[in-house]
């Protein structure tokens, strides 16, 4: 083997090692960003479902009228958490669509409130004029 071939093999081995390290870093990032939070969310949903089942069992055992509002509050809380987790999952799947939607909704709300803000400013300036005229009189 000549010197060029040895250097080429050495370069190929170094490239393989570097690629392996980069693949491992990417795999760790994927796990940290996607798999880890998904497992945590799945565990949370499972725990919430178990809490809901235990609340339903307690409601069946204790047929007290005072326990019904608590049962509904827990069920409503579970549904809200599921909706939040669904929203988080949607953001992870389609971040650009969700960002665009958020910007659009923000623009619309800002446009609707802009008229109210102008009316408030106008009313405030009218009040200042009235106060100044009362002071000057």
N, C-alpha and C. Protein backbone atom coordinates (compact mmCIF):
# COMPACT_ATOMS: atom_id res chain seq x y z
N UNK A 1 0.84 -1.18 0.00
CA UNK A 1 0.00 0.00 0.00
C UNK A 1 0.88 1.23 0.00
N UNK A 2 0.49 2.14 -0.79
CA UNK A 2 1.26 3.37 -0.82
C UNK A 2 0.66 4.40 0.14
N UNK A 3 1.32 5.49 0.28
CA UNK A 3 0.96 6.53 1.25
C UNK A 3 -0.42 7.12 0.97
N UNK A 4 -0.78 7.34 -0.27
CA UNK A 4 -2.07 7.93 -0.63
C UNK A 4 -3.22 7.01 -0.22
N UNK A 5 -3.04 5.74 -0.43
CA UNK A 5 -4.08 4.78 -0.08
C UNK A 5 -4.27 4.72 1.43
N UNK A 6 -3.21 4.79 2.18
CA UNK A 6 -3.28 4.79 3.65
C UNK A 6 -4.01 6.04 4.13
N UNK A 7 -3.69 7.18 3.55
CA UNK A 7 -4.35 8.42 3.93
C UNK A 7 -5.84 8.38 3.56
N UNK A 8 -6.15 7.81 2.43
CA UNK A 8 -7.54 7.71 1.99
C UNK A 8 -8.34 6.81 2.93
N UNK A 9 -7.79 5.68 3.31
CA UNK A 9 -8.46 4.78 4.26
C UNK A 9 -8.63 5.45 5.63
N UNK A 10 -7.62 6.18 6.04
CA UNK A 10 -7.69 6.90 7.31
C UNK A 10 -8.79 7.97 7.25
N UNK A 11 -8.85 8.66 6.14
CA UNK A 11 -9.87 9.70 5.95
C UNK A 11 -11.27 9.09 5.93
N UNK A 12 -11.41 7.93 5.29
CA UNK A 12 -12.71 7.24 5.25
C UNK A 12 -13.12 6.81 6.66
N UNK A 13 -12.21 6.28 7.43
CA UNK A 13 -12.51 5.87 8.81
C UNK A 13 -12.90 7.06 9.68
N UNK A 14 -12.17 8.17 9.53
CA UNK A 14 -12.52 9.37 10.30
C UNK A 14 -13.90 9.89 9.92
N UNK A 15 -14.24 9.84 8.64
CA UNK A 15 -15.56 10.27 8.18
C UNK A 15 -16.64 9.37 8.75
N UNK A 16 -16.41 8.06 8.75
CA UNK A 16 -17.37 7.12 9.33
C UNK A 16 -17.61 7.40 10.81
N UNK A 17 -16.54 7.63 11.53
CA UNK A 17 -16.65 7.91 12.96
C UNK A 17 -17.43 9.21 13.19
N UNK A 18 -17.09 10.25 12.41
CA UNK A 18 -17.78 11.54 12.55
C UNK A 18 -19.27 11.40 12.20
N UNK A 19 -19.58 10.63 11.15
CA UNK A 19 -20.98 10.42 10.76
C UNK A 19 -21.73 9.67 11.85
N UNK A 20 -21.09 8.67 12.44
CA UNK A 20 -21.71 7.92 13.53
C UNK A 20 -22.03 8.81 14.72
N UNK A 21 -21.09 9.70 15.06
CA UNK A 21 -21.32 10.63 16.16
C UNK A 21 -22.47 11.58 15.84
N UNK A 22 -22.53 12.08 14.62
CA UNK A 22 -23.60 13.00 14.22
C UNK A 22 -24.95 12.30 14.22
N UNK A 23 -24.99 11.06 13.76
CA UNK A 23 -26.24 10.30 13.78
C UNK A 23 -26.71 10.08 15.21
N UNK A 24 -25.77 9.81 16.10
CA UNK A 24 -26.13 9.62 17.51
C UNK A 24 -26.67 10.92 18.11
N UNK A 25 -26.07 12.05 17.77
CA UNK A 25 -26.55 13.35 18.25
C UNK A 25 -27.96 13.62 17.73
N UNK A 26 -28.20 13.34 16.44
CA UNK A 26 -29.53 13.55 15.86
C UNK A 26 -30.55 12.64 16.53
N UNK A 27 -30.19 11.40 16.76
CA UNK A 27 -31.11 10.46 17.41
C UNK A 27 -31.45 10.94 18.82
N UNK A 28 -30.47 11.44 19.55
CA UNK A 28 -30.73 11.97 20.89
C UNK A 28 -31.65 13.19 20.84
N UNK A 29 -31.43 14.07 19.86
CA UNK A 29 -32.30 15.25 19.73
C UNK A 29 -33.73 14.84 19.38
N UNK A 30 -33.88 13.90 18.48
CA UNK A 30 -35.22 13.43 18.10
C UNK A 30 -35.92 12.86 19.32
N UNK A 31 -35.20 12.07 20.09
CA UNK A 31 -35.81 11.49 21.29
C UNK A 31 -36.19 12.58 22.28
N UNK A 32 -35.28 13.54 22.48
CA UNK A 32 -35.53 14.60 23.45
C UNK A 32 -36.68 15.50 23.03
N UNK A 33 -36.77 15.80 21.74
CA UNK A 33 -37.77 16.75 21.26
C UNK A 33 -39.12 16.08 21.00
N UNK A 34 -39.11 14.88 20.44
CA UNK A 34 -40.38 14.27 20.01
C UNK A 34 -40.80 13.12 20.91
N UNK A 35 -39.97 12.15 21.07
CA UNK A 35 -40.36 10.93 21.75
C UNK A 35 -40.56 11.17 23.25
N UNK A 36 -39.64 11.85 23.89
CA UNK A 36 -39.75 12.09 25.33
C UNK A 36 -41.02 12.81 25.72
N UNK A 37 -41.31 13.98 25.11
CA UNK A 37 -42.57 14.67 25.46
C UNK A 37 -43.81 13.85 25.11
N UNK A 38 -43.76 13.08 24.03
CA UNK A 38 -44.92 12.26 23.67
C UNK A 38 -45.17 11.19 24.74
N UNK A 39 -44.10 10.58 25.21
CA UNK A 39 -44.25 9.58 26.28
C UNK A 39 -44.82 10.24 27.53
N UNK A 40 -44.31 11.44 27.86
CA UNK A 40 -44.82 12.15 29.04
C UNK A 40 -46.30 12.50 28.86
N UNK A 41 -46.67 12.96 27.67
CA UNK A 41 -48.08 13.30 27.41
C UNK A 41 -48.95 12.05 27.48
N UNK A 42 -48.49 10.95 26.91
CA UNK A 42 -49.26 9.70 26.98
C UNK A 42 -49.44 9.24 28.42
N UNK A 43 -48.37 9.35 29.22
CA UNK A 43 -48.47 8.99 30.63
C UNK A 43 -49.45 9.90 31.37
N UNK A 44 -49.42 11.18 31.04
CA UNK A 44 -50.34 12.13 31.67
C UNK A 44 -51.78 11.80 31.31
N UNK A 45 -52.03 11.52 30.05
CA UNK A 45 -53.39 11.16 29.63
C UNK A 45 -53.84 9.88 30.31
N UNK A 46 -52.95 8.91 30.40
CA UNK A 46 -53.29 7.66 31.08
C UNK A 46 -53.61 7.90 32.56
N UNK A 47 -52.80 8.72 33.21
CA UNK A 47 -53.06 9.04 34.62
C UNK A 47 -54.38 9.79 34.78
N UNK A 48 -54.66 10.71 33.85
CA UNK A 48 -55.92 11.44 33.92
C UNK A 48 -57.11 10.50 33.70
N UNK A 49 -56.96 9.57 32.77
CA UNK A 49 -58.03 8.60 32.54
C UNK A 49 -58.26 7.73 33.78
N UNK A 50 -57.17 7.32 34.43
CA UNK A 50 -57.31 6.54 35.65
C UNK A 50 -57.98 7.35 36.75
N UNK A 51 -57.62 8.64 36.85
CA UNK A 51 -58.26 9.49 37.84
C UNK A 51 -59.74 9.66 37.53
N UNK A 52 -60.07 9.78 36.26
CA UNK A 52 -61.48 9.91 35.86
C UNK A 52 -62.25 8.64 36.21
N UNK A 53 -61.64 7.48 35.94
CA UNK A 53 -62.31 6.21 36.27
C UNK A 53 -62.51 6.08 37.77
N UNK A 54 -61.51 6.46 38.55
CA UNK A 54 -61.66 6.35 40.00
C UNK A 54 -62.72 7.32 40.51
N UNK A 55 -62.81 8.51 39.88
CA UNK A 55 -63.86 9.46 40.26
C UNK A 55 -65.24 8.90 39.92
N UNK A 56 -65.34 8.24 38.76
CA UNK A 56 -66.62 7.65 38.38
C UNK A 56 -67.00 6.53 39.34
N UNK A 57 -66.02 5.72 39.74
CA UNK A 57 -66.29 4.65 40.69
C UNK A 57 -66.73 5.21 42.03
N UNK A 58 -66.07 6.27 42.48
CA UNK A 58 -66.46 6.89 43.74
C UNK A 58 -67.85 7.50 43.65
N UNK A 59 -68.18 8.04 42.49
CA UNK A 59 -69.51 8.62 42.30
C UNK A 59 -70.57 7.54 42.36
N UNK A 60 -70.26 6.37 41.78
CA UNK A 60 -71.22 5.28 41.83
C UNK A 60 -71.38 4.74 43.24
N UNK A 61 -70.28 4.69 43.99
CA UNK A 61 -70.34 4.18 45.35
C UNK A 61 -71.07 5.16 46.26
N UNK A 62 -70.70 6.42 46.15
CA UNK A 62 -71.31 7.44 46.98
C UNK A 62 -72.29 8.22 46.11
N UNK A 63 -73.53 7.91 46.20
CA UNK A 63 -74.54 8.58 45.38
C UNK A 63 -75.03 9.83 46.12
N UNK A 64 -74.10 10.70 46.39
CA UNK A 64 -74.41 11.93 47.09
C UNK A 64 -74.52 13.05 46.07
N UNK A 65 -75.50 13.91 46.23
CA UNK A 65 -75.72 14.99 45.28
C UNK A 65 -74.57 16.00 45.29
N UNK A 66 -73.88 16.15 46.40
CA UNK A 66 -72.78 17.10 46.48
C UNK A 66 -71.57 16.64 45.67
N UNK A 67 -71.45 15.36 45.37
CA UNK A 67 -70.28 14.86 44.64
C UNK A 67 -70.42 15.09 43.13
N UNK A 68 -71.61 15.33 42.63
CA UNK A 68 -71.81 15.52 41.20
C UNK A 68 -71.05 16.73 40.64
N UNK A 69 -71.11 17.91 41.29
CA UNK A 69 -70.34 19.03 40.74
C UNK A 69 -68.84 18.75 40.70
N UNK A 70 -68.34 18.01 41.68
CA UNK A 70 -66.91 17.68 41.70
C UNK A 70 -66.59 16.76 40.52
N UNK A 71 -67.46 15.79 40.29
CA UNK A 71 -67.25 14.86 39.17
C UNK A 71 -67.23 15.62 37.85
N UNK A 72 -68.16 16.53 37.67
CA UNK A 72 -68.20 17.30 36.43
C UNK A 72 -66.97 18.21 36.30
N UNK A 73 -66.53 18.77 37.41
CA UNK A 73 -65.34 19.63 37.38
C UNK A 73 -64.10 18.83 36.99
N UNK A 74 -63.97 17.62 37.54
CA UNK A 74 -62.82 16.78 37.19
C UNK A 74 -62.89 16.36 35.73
N UNK A 75 -64.08 15.98 35.27
CA UNK A 75 -64.23 15.58 33.87
C UNK A 75 -63.93 16.76 32.94
N UNK A 76 -64.37 17.94 33.31
CA UNK A 76 -64.10 19.12 32.50
C UNK A 76 -62.60 19.43 32.48
N UNK A 77 -61.95 19.30 33.61
CA UNK A 77 -60.51 19.54 33.68
C UNK A 77 -59.75 18.55 32.81
N UNK A 78 -60.17 17.30 32.84
CA UNK A 78 -59.53 16.28 32.01
C UNK A 78 -59.69 16.62 30.54
N UNK A 79 -60.87 17.05 30.15
CA UNK A 79 -61.10 17.41 28.75
C UNK A 79 -60.25 18.62 28.34
N UNK A 80 -60.10 19.58 29.24
CA UNK A 80 -59.27 20.76 28.93
C UNK A 80 -57.81 20.35 28.75
N UNK A 81 -57.33 19.47 29.61
CA UNK A 81 -55.93 19.02 29.49
C UNK A 81 -55.74 18.26 28.18
N UNK A 82 -56.73 17.42 27.82
CA UNK A 82 -56.63 16.70 26.55
C UNK A 82 -56.60 17.67 25.37
N UNK A 83 -57.41 18.74 25.44
CA UNK A 83 -57.42 19.74 24.37
C UNK A 83 -56.07 20.45 24.27
N UNK A 84 -55.48 20.76 25.42
CA UNK A 84 -54.18 21.43 25.42
C UNK A 84 -53.12 20.50 24.84
N UNK A 85 -53.15 19.23 25.24
CA UNK A 85 -52.17 18.28 24.71
C UNK A 85 -52.36 18.07 23.21
N UNK A 86 -53.63 18.09 22.76
CA UNK A 86 -53.89 17.96 21.32
C UNK A 86 -53.31 19.17 20.59
N UNK A 87 -53.48 20.35 21.17
CA UNK A 87 -52.95 21.56 20.55
C UNK A 87 -51.42 21.50 20.48
N UNK A 88 -50.80 21.04 21.56
CA UNK A 88 -49.34 20.91 21.57
C UNK A 88 -48.88 19.92 20.49
N UNK A 89 -49.61 18.82 20.35
CA UNK A 89 -49.27 17.83 19.34
C UNK A 89 -49.42 18.41 17.93
N UNK A 90 -50.48 19.20 17.70
CA UNK A 90 -50.69 19.83 16.40
C UNK A 90 -49.56 20.81 16.09
N UNK A 91 -49.12 21.56 17.11
CA UNK A 91 -48.02 22.51 16.90
C UNK A 91 -46.75 21.75 16.53
N UNK A 92 -46.52 20.61 17.17
CA UNK A 92 -45.34 19.81 16.83
C UNK A 92 -45.43 19.24 15.43
N UNK A 93 -46.64 18.88 14.97
CA UNK A 93 -46.80 18.29 13.64
C UNK A 93 -46.73 19.35 12.55
N UNK A 94 -47.43 20.47 12.74
CA UNK A 94 -47.51 21.52 11.72
C UNK A 94 -47.17 22.87 12.32
N UNK A 95 -45.90 23.12 12.63
CA UNK A 95 -45.58 24.38 13.31
C UNK A 95 -45.85 25.61 12.46
N UNK A 96 -45.62 25.53 11.15
CA UNK A 96 -45.81 26.71 10.30
C UNK A 96 -47.29 27.03 10.14
N UNK A 97 -48.10 26.02 10.00
CA UNK A 97 -49.54 26.25 9.88
C UNK A 97 -50.08 26.86 11.17
N UNK A 98 -49.64 26.34 12.31
CA UNK A 98 -50.12 26.85 13.59
C UNK A 98 -49.62 28.28 13.82
N UNK A 99 -48.38 28.58 13.43
CA UNK A 99 -47.86 29.93 13.57
C UNK A 99 -48.65 30.90 12.69
N UNK A 100 -48.90 30.50 11.45
CA UNK A 100 -49.68 31.34 10.55
C UNK A 100 -51.08 31.57 11.09
N UNK A 101 -51.69 30.52 11.62
CA UNK A 101 -53.03 30.66 12.19
C UNK A 101 -53.02 31.60 13.37
N UNK A 102 -52.02 31.47 14.23
CA UNK A 102 -51.93 32.35 15.40
C UNK A 102 -51.74 33.81 14.98
N UNK A 103 -50.90 34.04 13.97
CA UNK A 103 -50.70 35.39 13.49
C UNK A 103 -51.98 35.96 12.90
N UNK A 104 -52.70 35.16 12.14
CA UNK A 104 -53.95 35.60 11.53
C UNK A 104 -54.99 35.93 12.59
N UNK A 105 -55.14 35.08 13.58
CA UNK A 105 -56.10 35.34 14.66
C UNK A 105 -55.69 36.58 15.43
N UNK A 106 -54.40 36.73 15.70
CA UNK A 106 -53.92 37.93 16.40
C UNK A 106 -54.20 39.20 15.61
N UNK A 107 -54.00 39.13 14.30
CA UNK A 107 -54.28 40.29 13.45
C UNK A 107 -55.76 40.64 13.48
N UNK A 108 -56.60 39.63 13.37
CA UNK A 108 -58.05 39.87 13.38
C UNK A 108 -58.48 40.47 14.72
N UNK A 109 -58.03 39.90 15.81
CA UNK A 109 -58.39 40.43 17.14
C UNK A 109 -57.85 41.84 17.30
N UNK A 110 -56.63 42.06 16.85
CA UNK A 110 -56.07 43.41 16.93
C UNK A 110 -56.85 44.40 16.10
N UNK A 111 -57.32 43.98 14.92
CA UNK A 111 -58.13 44.86 14.08
C UNK A 111 -59.46 45.18 14.74
N UNK A 112 -60.06 44.18 15.36
CA UNK A 112 -61.33 44.42 16.04
C UNK A 112 -61.16 45.34 17.23
N UNK A 113 -60.11 45.18 17.97
CA UNK A 113 -59.87 46.02 19.15
C UNK A 113 -59.35 47.40 18.79
N UNK A 114 -58.83 47.54 17.59
CA UNK A 114 -58.28 48.83 17.19
C UNK A 114 -59.36 49.90 17.19
N UNK A 115 -60.54 49.57 16.68
CA UNK A 115 -61.64 50.52 16.70
C UNK A 115 -62.02 50.90 18.11
N UNK A 116 -62.03 49.93 19.02
CA UNK A 116 -62.33 50.21 20.42
C UNK A 116 -61.27 51.11 21.05
N UNK A 117 -60.00 50.85 20.71
CA UNK A 117 -58.93 51.68 21.26
C UNK A 117 -59.03 53.11 20.76
N UNK A 118 -59.37 53.28 19.47
CA UNK A 118 -59.53 54.63 18.93
C UNK A 118 -60.68 55.35 19.61
N UNK A 119 -61.77 54.63 19.86
CA UNK A 119 -62.91 55.23 20.54
C UNK A 119 -62.54 55.62 21.97
N UNK A 120 -61.79 54.78 22.64
CA UNK A 120 -61.35 55.08 24.00
C UNK A 120 -60.44 56.31 24.01
N UNK A 121 -59.51 56.35 23.07
CA UNK A 121 -58.61 57.51 23.00
C UNK A 121 -59.40 58.79 22.73
N UNK A 122 -60.36 58.70 21.81
CA UNK A 122 -61.18 59.87 21.48
C UNK A 122 -61.97 60.32 22.70
N UNK A 123 -62.57 59.39 23.42
CA UNK A 123 -63.33 59.73 24.63
C UNK A 123 -62.40 60.33 25.68
N UNK A 124 -61.20 59.80 25.81
CA UNK A 124 -60.24 60.32 26.78
C UNK A 124 -59.83 61.75 26.42
N UNK A 125 -59.58 62.01 25.15
CA UNK A 125 -59.21 63.37 24.74
C UNK A 125 -60.38 64.32 24.95
N UNK A 126 -61.63 63.88 24.73
CA UNK A 126 -62.79 64.72 25.00
C UNK A 126 -62.89 65.05 26.48
N UNK A 127 -62.62 64.03 27.34
CA UNK A 127 -62.65 64.27 28.78
C UNK A 127 -61.59 65.29 29.19
N UNK A 128 -60.41 65.19 28.60
CA UNK A 128 -59.35 66.15 28.91
C UNK A 128 -59.74 67.56 28.50
N UNK A 129 -60.38 67.70 27.35
CA UNK A 129 -60.83 69.02 26.89
C UNK A 129 -61.85 69.59 27.85
N UNK A 130 -62.79 68.76 28.30
CA UNK A 130 -63.81 69.22 29.24
C UNK A 130 -63.16 69.64 30.55
N UNK A 131 -62.22 68.84 31.06
CA UNK A 131 -61.55 69.17 32.32
C UNK A 131 -60.77 70.48 32.18
N UNK A 132 -60.08 70.69 31.06
CA UNK A 132 -59.32 71.92 30.85
C UNK A 132 -60.23 73.13 30.78
N UNK A 133 -61.38 72.95 30.09
CA UNK A 133 -62.30 74.08 30.00
C UNK A 133 -62.89 74.41 31.36
N UNK A 134 -63.11 73.39 32.21
CA UNK A 134 -63.63 73.64 33.55
C UNK A 134 -62.58 74.35 34.40
N UNK A 135 -61.33 74.01 34.23
CA UNK A 135 -60.26 74.63 34.99
C UNK A 135 -60.08 76.09 34.55
N UNK A 136 -60.16 76.33 33.25
CA UNK A 136 -59.97 77.67 32.70
C UNK A 136 -61.14 78.58 33.07
N UNK A 137 -62.34 78.06 33.29
CA UNK A 137 -63.49 78.89 33.62
C UNK A 137 -63.44 79.32 35.00
